[in-house]
């Protein structure tokens, strides 16, 4: 019975951690989307090197 209770506690802790990580990830994505919406940049950065020319599709 003791092992089962430890398992339940550990399972609940893992679920809490996963939920916290999911919340953080959603907040980061929302912040990134808000930043892009403010710049009217819908596609994001194409290249990290600004001197590098990329052909249009």
Protein backbone atom coordinates (compact mmCIF):
# COMPACT_ATOMS: atom_id res chain seq x y z
CA UNK A 1 0.00 0.00 0.00
CA UNK A 2 2.88 2.37 0.77
CA UNK A 3 4.38 1.91 -2.71
CA UNK A 4 1.01 2.68 -4.30
CA UNK A 5 0.71 5.92 -2.33
CA UNK A 6 4.23 6.94 -3.35
CA UNK A 7 3.32 6.19 -6.95
CA UNK A 8 0.20 8.37 -6.70
CA UNK A 9 2.20 11.24 -5.18
CA UNK A 10 4.89 10.97 -7.86
CA UNK A 11 2.29 10.79 -10.61
CA UNK A 12 0.53 13.90 -9.30
CA UNK A 13 3.86 15.75 -9.11
CA UNK A 14 4.73 14.86 -12.71
CA UNK A 15 1.32 16.03 -13.87
CA UNK A 16 1.81 19.35 -12.04
CA UNK A 17 5.25 19.81 -13.61
CA UNK A 18 3.95 19.06 -17.09
CA UNK A 19 1.12 21.53 -16.60
CA UNK A 20 3.54 24.22 -15.43
CA UNK A 21 5.84 23.64 -18.41
CA UNK A 22 2.87 23.77 -20.78
CA UNK A 23 1.75 27.06 -19.23
CA UNK A 24 5.23 28.57 -19.62
CA UNK A 25 5.49 27.40 -23.22
CA UNK A 26 2.07 28.90 -24.04
CA UNK A 27 3.07 32.20 -22.43
CA UNK A 28 6.29 32.33 -24.46
CA UNK A 29 4.46 31.59 -27.69
CA UNK A 30 1.78 34.18 -26.91
CA UNK A 31 4.43 36.81 -26.14
CA UNK A 32 6.26 35.99 -29.37
CA UNK A 33 3.03 36.22 -31.37
CA UNK A 34 2.17 39.56 -29.77
CA UNK A 35 5.62 40.90 -30.60
CA UNK A 36 5.27 39.82 -34.23
CA UNK A 37 1.77 41.29 -34.47
CA UNK A 38 3.13 44.60 -33.22
CA UNK A 39 5.77 44.67 -35.95
CA UNK A 40 3.41 43.45 -38.68
CA UNK A 41 5.89 40.62 -39.23
CA UNK A 42 3.80 37.56 -40.00
CA UNK A 43 6.49 35.23 -41.30
CA UNK A 44 9.36 35.71 -38.90
CA UNK A 45 13.07 35.98 -39.56
CA UNK A 46 14.39 34.33 -42.72
CA UNK A 47 18.10 34.45 -42.00
CA UNK A 48 20.20 35.30 -38.95
CA UNK A 49 22.80 36.98 -41.19
CA UNK A 50 21.37 40.28 -42.48
CA UNK A 51 23.92 40.48 -45.30
CA UNK A 52 22.85 37.10 -46.68
CA UNK A 53 20.51 37.49 -49.65
CA UNK A 54 17.64 35.01 -49.87
CA UNK A 55 15.76 34.54 -53.15
CA UNK A 56 12.00 34.97 -53.06
CA UNK A 57 9.88 31.91 -53.76
